[in-house]
PDB file of N, CA and C in Angstrom:
ATOM      1  N   UNK A   1       0.893  18.166   5.868  1.00  0.00           N
ATOM      2  CA  UNK A   1       2.449  18.450   5.373  1.00  0.00           C
ATOM      3  C   UNK A   1       3.041  17.587   5.080  1.00  0.00           C
ATOM      4  N   UNK A   2       2.789  16.181   6.026  1.00  0.00           N
ATOM      5  CA  UNK A   2       3.550  15.356   5.963  1.00  0.00           C
ATOM      6  C   UNK A   2       3.531  14.186   4.481  1.00  0.00           C
ATOM      7  N   UNK A   3       2.117  14.417   4.153  1.00  0.00           N
ATOM      8  CA  UNK A   3       1.733  13.714   2.446  1.00  0.00           C
ATOM      9  C   UNK A   3       2.161  14.409   2.155  1.00  0.00           C
ATOM     10  N   UNK A   4       2.803  15.566   1.628  1.00  0.00           N
ATOM     11  CA  UNK A   4       3.725  16.056   1.081  1.00  0.00           C
ATOM     12  C   UNK A   4       5.077  15.503   0.729  1.00  0.00           C
ATOM     13  N   UNK A   5       5.368  15.335   1.623  1.00  0.00           N
ATOM     14  CA  UNK A   5       6.909  15.385   2.238  1.00  0.00           C
ATOM     15  C   UNK A   5       6.547  13.406   1.628  1.00  0.00           C
ATOM     16  N   UNK A   6       5.773  12.595   2.062  1.00  0.00           N
ATOM     17  CA  UNK A   6       5.832  11.310   1.722  1.00  0.00           C
ATOM     18  C   UNK A   6       5.576  11.215  -0.033  1.00  0.00           C
ATOM     19  N   UNK A   7       5.060  11.948  -0.581  1.00  0.00           N
ATOM     20  CA  UNK A   7       4.955  11.817  -1.863  1.00  0.00           C
ATOM     21  C   UNK A   7       6.298  12.627  -2.801  1.00  0.00           C
ATOM     22  N   UNK A   8       6.462  13.124  -2.127  1.00  0.00           N
ATOM     23  CA  UNK A   8       8.131  13.956  -2.309  1.00  0.00           C
ATOM     24  C   UNK A   8       8.776  12.884  -2.789  1.00  0.00           C
ATOM     25  N   UNK A   9       8.823  12.255  -1.634  1.00  0.00           N
ATOM     26  CA  UNK A   9      10.314  11.060  -1.594  1.00  0.00           C
ATOM     27  C   UNK A   9       9.731   9.478  -1.899  1.00  0.00           C
ATOM     28  N   UNK A  10       8.133   9.004  -2.573  1.00  0.00           N
ATOM     29  CA  UNK A  10       7.637   8.489  -3.495  1.00  0.00           C
ATOM     30  C   UNK A  10       8.130   8.427  -4.997  1.00  0.00           C
ATOM     31  N   UNK A  11       7.833   9.562  -4.820  1.00  0.00           N
ATOM     32  CA  UNK A  11       8.628   9.981  -6.342  1.00  0.00           C
ATOM     33  C   UNK A  11       9.579  10.391  -7.031  1.00  0.00           C
ATOM     34  N   UNK A  12      10.877  10.360  -5.960  1.00  0.00           N
ATOM     35  CA  UNK A  12      12.373  10.557  -5.294  1.00  0.00           C
ATOM     36  C   UNK A  12      12.948   8.855  -5.510  1.00  0.00           C
ATOM     37  N   UNK A  13      11.660   7.970  -5.416  1.00  0.00           N
ATOM     38  CA  UNK A  13      12.329   6.376  -4.836  1.00  0.00           C
ATOM     39  C   UNK A  13      13.408   6.635  -3.840  1.00  0.00           C
ATOM     40  N   UNK A  14      13.261   7.645  -2.660  1.00  0.00           N
ATOM     41  CA  UNK A  14      14.083   7.179  -1.541  1.00  0.00           C
ATOM     42  C   UNK A  14      13.149   6.169  -0.768  1.00  0.00           C
ATOM     43  N   UNK A  15      13.463   4.805  -0.422  1.00  0.00           N
ATOM     44  CA  UNK A  15      12.111   4.264  -0.067  1.00  0.00           C
ATOM     45  C   UNK A  15      12.727   4.387   1.722  1.00  0.00           C
ATOM     46  N   UNK A  16      14.118   5.112   2.211  1.00  0.00           N
ATOM     47  CA  UNK A  16      13.877   4.618   3.661  1.00  0.00           C
ATOM     48  C   UNK A  16      13.189   6.249   4.039  1.00  0.00           C
ATOM     49  N   UNK A  17      13.171   7.021   2.799  1.00  0.00           N
ATOM     50  CA  UNK A  17      12.713   7.946   4.174  1.00  0.00           C
ATOM     51  C   UNK A  17      11.501   7.893   3.495  1.00  0.00           C
ATOM     52  N   UNK A  18      10.522   7.436   2.924  1.00  0.00           N
ATOM     53  CA  UNK A  18       8.509   7.393   2.619  1.00  0.00           C
ATOM     54  C   UNK A  18       8.566   6.646   3.667  1.00  0.00           C
ATOM     55  N   UNK A  19       9.678   5.482   4.254  1.00  0.00           N
ATOM     56  CA  UNK A  19       9.017   4.980   5.315  1.00  0.00           C
ATOM     57  C   UNK A  19       8.702   6.180   6.114  1.00  0.00           C
ATOM     58  N   UNK A  20       9.844   6.365   7.012  1.00  0.00           N
ATOM     59  CA  UNK A  20      10.002   7.436   7.761  1.00  0.00           C
ATOM     60  C   UNK A  20       8.975   8.329   7.415  1.00  0.00           C
ATOM     61  N   UNK A  21       8.487   9.079   6.416  1.00  0.00           N
ATOM     62  CA  UNK A  21       7.110  10.037   6.574  1.00  0.00           C
ATOM     63  C   UNK A  21       5.972   9.710   6.622  1.00  0.00           C
ATOM     64  N   UNK A  22       5.975   8.461   5.759  1.00  0.00           N
ATOM     65  CA  UNK A  22       4.673   7.299   5.958  1.00  0.00           C
ATOM     66  C   UNK A  22       4.220   7.578   7.169  1.00  0.00           C
ATOM     67  N   UNK A  23       5.192   7.426   8.558  1.00  0.00           N
ATOM     68  CA  UNK A  23       4.656   6.640   9.581  1.00  0.00           C
ATOM     69  C   UNK A  23       4.134   8.155  10.091  1.00  0.00           C
ATOM     70  N   UNK A  24       5.148   8.991   9.821  1.00  0.00           N
ATOM     71  CA  UNK A  24       4.755  10.549  10.012  1.00  0.00           C
ATOM     72  C   UNK A  24       3.248  10.386   9.538  1.00  0.00           C
ATOM     73  N   UNK A  25       2.960  10.786   8.401  1.00  0.00           N
ATOM     74  CA  UNK A  25       1.735  11.016   6.973  1.00  0.00           C
ATOM     75  C   UNK A  25       0.807  10.057   8.297  1.00  0.00           C
ATOM     76  N   UNK A  26       0.767   8.872   8.542  1.00  0.00           N
ATOM     77  CA  UNK A  26       0.297   7.826   9.115  1.00  0.00           C
ATOM     78  C   UNK A  26      -0.564   8.641  10.661  1.00  0.00           C
ATOM     79  N   UNK A  27       0.327   9.383  11.787  1.00  0.00           N
ATOM     80  CA  UNK A  27       0.185  10.104  12.262  1.00  0.00           C
ATOM     81  C   UNK A  27      -0.541  10.988  12.705  1.00  0.00           C
ATOM     82  N   UNK A  28      -0.567  11.856  11.135  1.00  0.00           N
ATOM     83  CA  UNK A  28      -1.029  13.232  11.003  1.00  0.00           C
ATOM     84  C   UNK A  28      -2.367  12.646  10.779  1.00  0.00           C
ATOM     85  N   UNK A  29      -2.866  11.584  10.141  1.00  0.00           N
ATOM     86  CA  UNK A  29      -4.365  11.299   9.966  1.00  0.00           C
ATOM     87  C   UNK A  29      -5.326  10.922  10.598  1.00  0.00           C
ATOM     88  N   UNK A  30      -6.206  11.572  10.735  1.00  0.00           N
ATOM     89  CA  UNK A  30      -7.481  10.780  11.128  1.00  0.00           C
ATOM     90  C   UNK A  30      -8.170   9.613  11.295  1.00  0.00           C
ATOM     91  N   UNK A  31      -7.527   8.412  11.586  1.00  0.00           N
ATOM     92  CA  UNK A  31      -8.186   6.819  11.566  1.00  0.00           C
ATOM     93  C   UNK A  31      -9.593   6.972  11.747  1.00  0.00           C
ATOM     94  N   UNK A  32     -10.476   8.186  11.963  1.00  0.00           N
ATOM     95  CA  UNK A  32     -12.401   7.231  11.813  1.00  0.00           C
ATOM     96  C   UNK A  32     -12.649   8.163  10.669  1.00  0.00           C
ATOM     97  N   UNK A  33     -11.780   8.875  10.155  1.00  0.00           N
ATOM     98  CA  UNK A  33     -12.584   9.799   8.479  1.00  0.00           C
ATOM     99  C   UNK A  33     -11.065   9.478   7.435  1.00  0.00           C
ATOM    100  N   UNK A  34     -10.214   9.335   7.312  1.00  0.00           N
ATOM    101  CA  UNK A  34      -9.027   9.081   6.508  1.00  0.00           C
ATOM    102  C   UNK A  34      -8.665   7.685   5.932  1.00  0.00           C
ATOM    103  N   UNK A  35      -9.859   7.270   5.662  1.00  0.00           N
ATOM    104  CA  UNK A  35      -8.925   5.628   5.093  1.00  0.00           C
ATOM    105  C   UNK A  35      -8.539   5.278   4.438  1.00  0.00           C
ATOM    106  N   UNK A  36      -9.330   6.293   3.492  1.00  0.00           N
ATOM    107  CA  UNK A  36      -8.687   5.701   1.921  1.00  0.00           C
ATOM    108  C   UNK A  36      -7.358   6.554   1.586  1.00  0.00           C
ATOM    109  N   UNK A  37      -6.874   7.691   2.701  1.00  0.00           N
ATOM    110  CA  UNK A  37      -5.757   8.478   2.834  1.00  0.00           C
ATOM    111  C   UNK A  37      -4.602   7.226   3.215  1.00  0.00           C
ATOM    112  N   UNK A  38      -5.552   6.729   4.669  1.00  0.00           N
ATOM    113  CA  UNK A  38      -4.436   5.463   5.620  1.00  0.00           C
ATOM    114  C   UNK A  38      -4.103   4.359   4.401  1.00  0.00           C
ATOM    115  N   UNK A  39      -4.956   3.731   3.381  1.00  0.00           N
ATOM    116  CA  UNK A  39      -4.989   3.153   2.703  1.00  0.00           C
ATOM    117  C   UNK A  39      -3.305   3.183   1.071  1.00  0.00           C
ATOM    118  N   UNK A  40      -3.687   4.346   0.814  1.00  0.00           N
ATOM    119  CA  UNK A  40      -2.392   4.934   0.199  1.00  0.00           C
ATOM    120  C   UNK A  40      -0.955   5.436   0.855  1.00  0.00           C
ATOM    121  N   UNK A  41      -1.079   5.073   1.696  1.00  0.00           N
ATOM    122  CA  UNK A  41       0.013   5.543   2.990  1.00  0.00           C
ATOM    123  C   UNK A  41       0.716   4.399   3.233  1.00  0.00           C
ATOM    124  N   UNK A  42      -0.432   3.584   3.796  1.00  0.00           N
ATOM    125  CA  UNK A  42       0.333   2.018   4.268  1.00  0.00           C
ATOM    126  C   UNK A  42       0.851   1.598   2.787  1.00  0.00           C
ATOM    127  N   UNK A  43       0.246   1.325   1.602  1.00  0.00           N
ATOM    128  CA  UNK A  43       0.452   1.004   0.373  1.00  0.00           C
ATOM    129  C   UNK A  43       2.505   1.553  -0.287  1.00  0.00           C
ATOM    130  N   UNK A  44       2.275   3.363   0.192  1.00  0.00           N
ATOM    131  CA  UNK A  44       3.934   3.354  -0.091  1.00  0.00           C
ATOM    132  C   UNK A  44       4.535   2.443   0.808  1.00  0.00           C
ATOM    133  N   UNK A  45       4.174   3.099   2.169  1.00  0.00           N
ATOM    134  CA  UNK A  45       5.503   1.928   2.909  1.00  0.00           C
ATOM    135  C   UNK A  45       5.228   0.859   2.854  1.00  0.00           C
ATOM    136  N   UNK A  46       4.895   0.024   1.986  1.00  0.00           N
ATOM    137  CA  UNK A  46       4.630  -1.461   1.099  1.00  0.00           C
ATOM    138  C   UNK A  46       5.515  -1.413   0.858  1.00  0.00           C
ATOM    139  N   UNK A  47       5.213  -0.819  -0.146  1.00  0.00           N
ATOM    140  CA  UNK A  47       6.500  -0.417  -0.805  1.00  0.00           C
ATOM    141  C   UNK A  47       7.787  -0.736  -1.176  1.00  0.00           C
ATOM    142  N   UNK A  48       7.681   0.631  -0.462  1.00  0.00           N
ATOM    143  CA  UNK A  48       9.225   0.749  -0.244  1.00  0.00           C
ATOM    144  C   UNK A  48       9.857  -0.246   0.885  1.00  0.00           C
ATOM    145  N   UNK A  49       9.442  -0.955   1.628  1.00  0.00           N
ATOM    146  CA  UNK A  49       9.958  -1.628   1.796  1.00  0.00           C
ATOM    147  C   UNK A  49       9.690  -2.831   1.398  1.00  0.00           C
ATOM    148  N   UNK A  50       9.162  -3.649   0.759  1.00  0.00           N
ATOM    149  CA  UNK A  50       9.499  -4.533  -0.482  1.00  0.00           C
ATOM    150  C   UNK A  50      10.556  -3.915  -1.281  1.00  0.00           C
ATOM    151  N   UNK A  51      10.476  -2.752  -1.795  1.00  0.00           N
ATOM    152  CA  UNK A  51      11.699  -2.796  -2.174  1.00  0.00           C
ATOM    153  C   UNK A  51      13.312  -2.565  -1.847  1.00  0.00           C
ATOM    154  N   UNK A  52      13.590  -2.318  -0.969  1.00  0.00           N
ATOM    155  CA  UNK A  52      14.599  -2.546   0.313  1.00  0.00           C
ATOM    156  C   UNK A  52      15.211  -3.618   0.973  1.00  0.00           C
ATOM    157  N   UNK A  53      14.115  -4.484   0.923  1.00  0.00           N
ATOM    158  CA  UNK A  53      13.875  -5.696   0.848  1.00  0.00           C
ATOM    159  C   UNK A  53      13.497  -6.476   2.417  1.00  0.00           C
ATOM    160  N   UNK A  54      12.677  -5.644   2.749  1.00  0.00           N
ATOM    161  CA  UNK A  54      12.059  -5.899   3.881  1.00  0.00           C
ATOM    162  C   UNK A  54      10.918  -6.780   3.823  1.00  0.00           C
ATOM    163  N   UNK A  55      10.740  -7.943   3.177  1.00  0.00           N
ATOM    164  CA  UNK A  55       9.402  -8.827   3.635  1.00  0.00           C
ATOM    165  C   UNK A  55       8.909  -8.413   4.187  1.00  0.00           C
ATOM    166  N   UNK A  56       9.133  -9.122   5.374  1.00  0.00           N
ATOM    167  CA  UNK A  56       7.758  -9.779   6.465  1.00  0.00           C
ATOM    168  C   UNK A  56       6.905  -7.834   6.770  1.00  0.00           C
ATOM    169  N   UNK A  57       8.165  -7.118   6.839  1.00  0.00           N
ATOM    170  CA  UNK A  57       7.327  -5.530   7.043  1.00  0.00           C
ATOM    171  C   UNK A  57       6.905  -5.216   5.899  1.00  0.00           C
ATOM    172  N   UNK A  58       6.437  -5.308   4.494  1.00  0.00           N
ATOM    173  CA  UNK A  58       5.968  -5.386   3.694  1.00  0.00           C
ATOM    174  C   UNK A  58       4.959  -5.781   3.082  1.00  0.00           C
ATOM    175  N   UNK A  59       5.358  -6.873   3.536  1.00  0.00           N
ATOM    176  CA  UNK A  59       4.126  -7.890   3.562  1.00  0.00           C
ATOM    177  C   UNK A  59       2.539  -7.525   4.594  1.00  0.00           C
ATOM    178  N   UNK A  60       3.374  -6.980   5.486  1.00  0.00           N
ATOM    179  CA  UNK A  60       2.484  -6.627   6.888  1.00  0.00           C
ATOM    180  C   UNK A  60       1.975  -5.320   5.907  1.00  0.00           C
ATOM    181  N   UNK A  61       2.377  -4.444   5.948  1.00  0.00           N
ATOM    182  CA  UNK A  61       1.860  -3.216   5.292  1.00  0.00           C
ATOM    183  C   UNK A  61       0.888  -3.509   4.306  1.00  0.00           C
ATOM    184  N   UNK A  62       1.585  -3.897   3.556  1.00  0.00           N
ATOM    185  CA  UNK A  62       0.695  -4.304   1.922  1.00  0.00           C
ATOM    186  C   UNK A  62      -0.851  -5.153   2.236  1.00  0.00           C
ATOM    187  N   UNK A  63      -0.702  -6.142   3.558  1.00  0.00           N
ATOM    188  CA  UNK A  63      -1.745  -6.745   3.855  1.00  0.00           C
ATOM    189  C   UNK A  63      -2.884  -5.054   4.147  1.00  0.00           C
ATOM    190  N   UNK A  64      -2.422  -3.936   5.214  1.00  0.00           N
ATOM    191  CA  UNK A  64      -2.885  -2.938   5.532  1.00  0.00           C
ATOM    192  C   UNK A  64      -3.715  -2.340   4.584  1.00  0.00           C
ATOM    193  N   UNK A  65      -2.550  -1.957   3.787  1.00  0.00           N
ATOM    194  CA  UNK A  65      -3.135  -1.213   2.895  1.00  0.00           C
ATOM    195  C   UNK A  65      -4.253  -2.137   1.752  1.00  0.00           C
ATOM    196  N   UNK A  66      -4.519  -3.307   1.509  1.00  0.00           N
ATOM    197  CA  UNK A  66      -5.401  -3.542   1.585  1.00  0.00           C
ATOM    198  C   UNK A  66      -6.844  -4.151   2.031  1.00  0.00           C
ATOM    199  N   UNK A  67      -6.478  -4.357   3.211  1.00  0.00           N
ATOM    200  CA  UNK A  67      -7.862  -4.459   4.075  1.00  0.00           C
ATOM    201  C   UNK A  67      -8.545  -3.079   3.851  1.00  0.00           C
ATOM    202  N   UNK A  68      -7.383  -2.137   3.877  1.00  0.00           N
ATOM    203  CA  UNK A  68      -7.796  -0.382   4.283  1.00  0.00           C
ATOM    204  C   UNK A  68      -8.986  -0.160   2.855  1.00  0.00           C
ATOM    205  N   UNK A  69      -8.377  -0.223   1.776  1.00  0.00           N
ATOM    206  CA  UNK A  69      -8.847  -0.764   0.387  1.00  0.00           C
ATOM    207  C   UNK A  69      -9.679  -1.300   0.031  1.00  0.00           C
ATOM    208  N   UNK A  70      -9.690  -2.149   0.722  1.00  0.00           N
ATOM    209  CA  UNK A  70     -11.416  -3.196   1.024  1.00  0.00           C
ATOM    210  C   UNK A  70     -12.499  -2.639   1.355  1.00  0.00           C
ATOM    211  N   UNK A  71     -11.980  -2.666   2.892  1.00  0.00           N
ATOM    212  CA  UNK A  71     -13.157  -1.207   3.563  1.00  0.00           C
ATOM    213  C   UNK A  71     -13.885  -0.287   3.030  1.00  0.00           C
ATOM    214  N   UNK A  72     -13.117   1.042   1.864  1.00  0.00           N
ATOM    215  CA  UNK A  72     -13.137   1.621   1.909  1.00  0.00           C
ATOM    216  C   UNK A  72     -13.752   1.864   0.424  1.00  0.00           C
ATOM    217  N   UNK A  73     -13.590   0.702   0.070  1.00  0.00           N
ATOM    218  CA  UNK A  73     -14.145   0.025  -1.979  1.00  0.00           C
ATOM    219  C   UNK A  73     -13.951   1.262  -2.982  1.00  0.00           C
ATOM    220  N   UNK A  74     -12.558   1.773  -2.579  1.00  0.00           N
ATOM    221  CA  UNK A  74     -11.751   3.016  -3.257  1.00  0.00           C
ATOM    222  C   UNK A  74     -11.165   2.456  -4.529  1.00  0.00           C
ATOM    223  N   UNK A  75     -11.714   3.060  -5.672  1.00  0.00           N
ATOM    224  CA  UNK A  75     -10.654   2.314  -7.223  1.00  0.00           C
ATOM    225  C   UNK A  75      -9.480   3.509  -6.662  1.00  0.00           C
ATOM    226  N   UNK A  76      -9.267   4.690  -6.154  1.00  0.00           N
ATOM    227  CA  UNK A  76      -7.781   5.409  -5.673  1.00  0.00           C
ATOM    228  C   UNK A  76      -7.554   4.804  -5.184  1.00  0.00           C
ATOM    229  N   UNK A  77      -7.508   4.573  -3.862  1.00  0.00           N
ATOM    230  CA  UNK A  77      -6.661   2.839  -2.962  1.00  0.00           C
ATOM    231  C   UNK A  77      -6.722   2.164  -3.286  1.00  0.00           C
ATOM    232  N   UNK A  78      -7.015   1.536  -3.904  1.00  0.00           N
ATOM    233  CA  UNK A  78      -6.820   0.733  -4.961  1.00  0.00           C
ATOM    234  C   UNK A  78      -5.801   0.271  -5.803  1.00  0.00           C
ATOM    235  N   UNK A  79      -6.247   1.657  -6.690  1.00  0.00           N
ATOM    236  CA  UNK A  79      -4.915   1.749  -7.525  1.00  0.00           C
ATOM    237  C   UNK A  79      -3.298   2.610  -6.824  1.00  0.00           C
ATOM    238  N   UNK A  80      -3.672   3.111  -5.824  1.00  0.00           N
ATOM    239  CA  UNK A  80      -1.869   3.332  -4.829  1.00  0.00           C
ATOM    240  C   UNK A  80      -1.719   1.451  -4.475  1.00  0.00           C
ATOM    241  N   UNK A  81      -2.127   0.362  -4.848  1.00  0.00           N
ATOM    242  CA  UNK A  81      -1.745  -0.255  -4.854  1.00  0.00           C
ATOM    243  C   UNK A  81      -0.615  -1.155  -5.985  1.00  0.00           C
ATOM    244  N   UNK A  82      -0.385  -0.125  -6.792  1.00  0.00           N
ATOM    245  CA  UNK A  82       0.375  -0.562  -7.697  1.00  0.00           C
ATOM    246  C   UNK A  82       1.630  -1.481  -7.414  1.00  0.00           C
ATOM    247  N   UNK A  83       2.202  -0.396  -6.849  1.00  0.00           N
ATOM    248  CA  UNK A  83       3.406   0.128  -6.366  1.00  0.00           C
ATOM    249  C   UNK A  83       3.742  -1.701  -5.360  1.00  0.00           C
ATOM    250  N   UNK A  84       2.993  -1.897  -4.733  1.00  0.00           N
ATOM    251  CA  UNK A  84       2.989  -3.242  -4.062  1.00  0.00           C
ATOM    252  C   UNK A  84       3.357  -4.194  -4.872  1.00  0.00           C
ATOM    253  N   UNK A  85       2.146  -4.563  -5.825  1.00  0.00           N
ATOM    254  CA  UNK A  85       2.090  -5.109  -6.648  1.00  0.00           C
ATOM    255  C   UNK A  85       3.654  -5.121  -7.577  1.00  0.00           C
ATOM    256  N   UNK A  86       3.904  -4.485  -8.333  1.00  0.00           N
ATOM    257  CA  UNK A  86       5.179  -4.825  -8.736  1.00  0.00           C
ATOM    258  C   UNK A  86       6.352  -4.809  -7.853  1.00  0.00           C
ATOM    259  N   UNK A  87       6.148  -4.422  -6.708  1.00  0.00           N
ATOM    260  CA  UNK A  87       7.341  -5.212  -5.544  1.00  0.00           C
ATOM    261  C   UNK A  87       7.063  -6.236  -5.355  1.00  0.00           C
ATOM    262  N   UNK A  88       6.036  -6.704  -5.287  1.00  0.00           N
ATOM    263  CA  UNK A  88       5.129  -8.321  -4.775  1.00  0.00           C
ATOM    264  C   UNK A  88       5.983  -9.244  -6.521  1.00  0.00           C
ATOM    265  N   UNK A  89       6.142  -8.792  -7.886  1.00  0.00           N
ATOM    266  CA  UNK A  89       6.017  -9.343  -8.859  1.00  0.00           C
ATOM    267  C   UNK A  89       7.264 -10.316  -8.663  1.00  0.00           C
ATOM    268  N   UNK A  90       7.186 -11.552  -8.665  1.00  0.00           N
ATOM    269  CA  UNK A  90       8.962 -12.108  -8.808  1.00  0.00           C
ATOM    270  C   UNK A  90       9.093 -12.816  -7.680  1.00  0.00           C
ATOM    271  N   UNK A  91       8.341 -12.499  -7.009  1.00  0.00           N
ATOM    272  CA  UNK A  91       8.853 -12.766  -5.610  1.00  0.00           C
ATOM    273  C   UNK A  91       8.000 -15.043  -4.696  1.00  0.00           C
ATOM    274  N   UNK A  92       9.470 -15.332  -4.499  1.00  0.00           N
ATOM    275  CA  UNK A  92       9.051 -16.356  -4.414  1.00  0.00           C
ATOM    276  C   UNK A  92       8.215 -17.282  -3.258  1.00  0.00           C
ATOM    277  N   UNK A  93       8.423 -16.061  -1.546  1.00  0.00           N
ATOM    278  CA  UNK A  93       8.006 -16.009  -0.646  1.00  0.00           C
ATOM    279  C   UNK A  93       6.543 -17.004  -1.025  1.00  0.00           C
ATOM    280  N   UNK A  94       5.880 -17.399  -0.375  1.00  0.00           N
ATOM    281  CA  UNK A  94       4.839 -17.673  -0.366  1.00  0.00           C
ATOM    282  C   UNK A  94       3.854 -17.041   0.476  1.00  0.00           C
ATOM    283  N   UNK A  95       4.019 -16.261   1.469  1.00  0.00           N
ATOM    284  CA  UNK A  95       3.586 -14.959   2.124  1.00  0.00           C
ATOM    285  C   UNK A  95       3.067 -13.964   0.507  1.00  0.00           C
ATOM    286  N   UNK A  96       4.511 -13.537   0.181  1.00  0.00           N
ATOM    287  CA  UNK A  96       4.273 -12.850  -1.049  1.00  0.00           C
ATOM    288  C   UNK A  96       3.517 -12.833  -2.465  1.00  0.00           C
ATOM    289  N   UNK A  97       3.331 -14.362  -2.745  1.00  0.00           N
ATOM    290  CA  UNK A  97       2.630 -14.812  -3.444  1.00  0.00           C
ATOM    291  C   UNK A  97       0.892 -15.026  -3.180  1.00  0.00           C
ATOM    292  N   UNK A  98       0.906 -14.777  -1.508  1.00  0.00           N
ATOM    293  CA  UNK A  98      -0.377 -14.976  -1.374  1.00  0.00           C
ATOM    294  C   UNK A  98      -0.990 -13.414  -1.519  1.00  0.00           C
ATOM    295  N   UNK A  99      -0.106 -12.298  -0.878  1.00  0.00           N
ATOM    296  CA  UNK A  99      -0.570 -11.493  -1.254  1.00  0.00           C
ATOM    297  C   UNK A  99      -0.862 -10.743  -2.373  1.00  0.00           C
ATOM    298  N   UNK A 100      -0.068 -10.939  -3.424  1.00  0.00           N
ATOM    299  CA  UNK A 100      -0.483 -10.819  -4.494  1.00  0.00           C
ATOM    300  C   UNK A 100      -1.658 -11.079  -5.251  1.00  0.00           C
ATOM    301  N   UNK A 101      -2.051 -12.593  -4.472  1.00  0.00           N
ATOM    302  CA  UNK A 101      -2.813 -12.713  -5.498  1.00  0.00           C
ATOM    303  C   UNK A 101      -4.266 -12.193  -4.929  1.00  0.00           C
ATOM    304  N   UNK A 102      -4.003 -12.346  -3.619  1.00  0.00           N
ATOM    305  CA  UNK A 102      -5.409 -11.671  -3.365  1.00  0.00           C
ATOM    306  C   UNK A 102      -5.445  -9.771  -3.572  1.00  0.00           C
ATOM    307  N   UNK A 103      -4.182  -9.121  -3.364  1.00  0.00           N
ATOM    308  CA  UNK A 103      -4.478  -7.619  -4.367  1.00  0.00           C
ATOM    309  C   UNK A 103      -5.050  -7.468  -6.056  1.00  0.00           C
ATOM    310  N   UNK A 104      -4.989  -9.050  -6.453  1.00  0.00           N
ATOM    311  CA  UNK A 104      -5.386  -9.369  -7.896  1.00  0.00           C
ATOM    312  C   UNK A 104      -6.896  -9.420  -7.862  1.00  0.00           C
ATOM    313  N   UNK A 105      -6.975 -10.183  -6.751  1.00  0.00           N
ATOM    314  CA  UNK A 105      -9.048 -11.398  -6.787  1.00  0.00           C
ATOM    315  C   UNK A 105      -9.340  -9.532  -6.255  1.00  0.00           C
ATOM    316  N   UNK A 106      -8.952  -8.948  -5.083  1.00  0.00           N
ATOM    317  CA  UNK A 106      -9.709  -7.867  -4.781  1.00  0.00           C
ATOM    318  C   UNK A 106      -9.687  -6.840  -6.254  1.00  0.00           C
ATOM    319  N   UNK A 107      -9.002  -6.608  -6.999  1.00  0.00           N
ATOM    320  CA  UNK A 107      -8.713  -5.696  -8.260  1.00  0.00           C
ATOM    321  C   UNK A 107     -10.104  -6.210  -9.169  1.00  0.00           C
ATOM    322  N   UNK A 108      -9.977  -7.860  -9.350  1.00  0.00           N
ATOM    323  CA  UNK A 108     -11.109  -8.337 -10.022  1.00  0.00           C
ATOM    324  C   UNK A 108     -12.482  -7.920  -9.570  1.00  0.00           C
ATOM    325  N   UNK A 109     -12.446  -7.923  -8.422  1.00  0.00           N
ATOM    326  CA  UNK A 109     -13.752  -8.266  -7.255  1.00  0.00           C
ATOM    327  C   UNK A 109     -14.319  -6.642  -7.584  1.00  0.00           C
ATOM    328  N   UNK A 110     -13.513  -5.631  -7.845  1.00  0.00           N
ATOM    329  CA  UNK A 110     -13.888  -3.629  -7.807  1.00  0.00           C
ATOM    330  C   UNK A 110     -14.592  -4.135  -9.145  1.00  0.00           C
ATOM    331  N   UNK A 111     -13.679  -4.700 -10.171  1.00  0.00           N
ATOM    332  CA  UNK A 111     -14.029  -4.419 -11.587  1.00  0.00           C
ATOM    333  C   UNK A 111     -14.764  -4.727 -12.626  1.00  0.00           C
ATOM    334  N   UNK A 112     -15.752  -5.817 -11.833  1.00  0.00           N
ATOM    335  CA  UNK A 112     -17.085  -6.311 -12.106  1.00  0.00           C
ATOM    336  C   UNK A 112     -17.750  -5.950 -11.844  1.00  0.00           C
ATOM    337  N   UNK A 113     -19.243  -5.470 -12.713  1.00  0.00           N
ATOM    338  CA  UNK A 113     -20.234  -4.957 -12.141  1.00  0.00           C
ATOM    339  C   UNK A 113     -21.465  -5.468 -11.102  1.00  0.00           C
ATOM    340  N   UNK A 114     -21.867  -4.559 -10.399  1.00  0.00           N
ATOM    341  CA  UNK A 114     -22.420  -5.167  -9.830  1.00  0.00           C
ATOM    342  C   UNK A 114     -23.839  -5.661  -9.802  1.00  0.00           C
ATOM    343  N   UNK A 115     -24.173  -6.540  -9.068  1.00  0.00           N
ATOM    344  CA  UNK A 115     -25.430  -7.063  -9.627  1.00  0.00           C
ATOM    345  C   UNK A 115     -27.065  -6.577  -9.672  1.00  0.00           C
TER     346      UNK A 115
END
């Protein structure tokens, strides 16, 4: 149920509720098996944090989302990072630019055919 509430608040652009519901969704997920969902939740939380101006927490959540997406090698998990990318675009902070570059690099790596 937490995932549905999270999705609703993401669609409503209610950043504060996204963070609260995101934490509830993370608590409800199995950290042993729900890696793709966890990546998506971290991405939603990160984008919300960045939109409300909480740069440090947004970057931390964004890194967690990216690391989890890379472990799963899931295109769906990477698609969830689009909100983070949008929120990071134009940020002058070095950490923000580094995270954006890492996300872009991971996207390129995922889209290249394997040899």
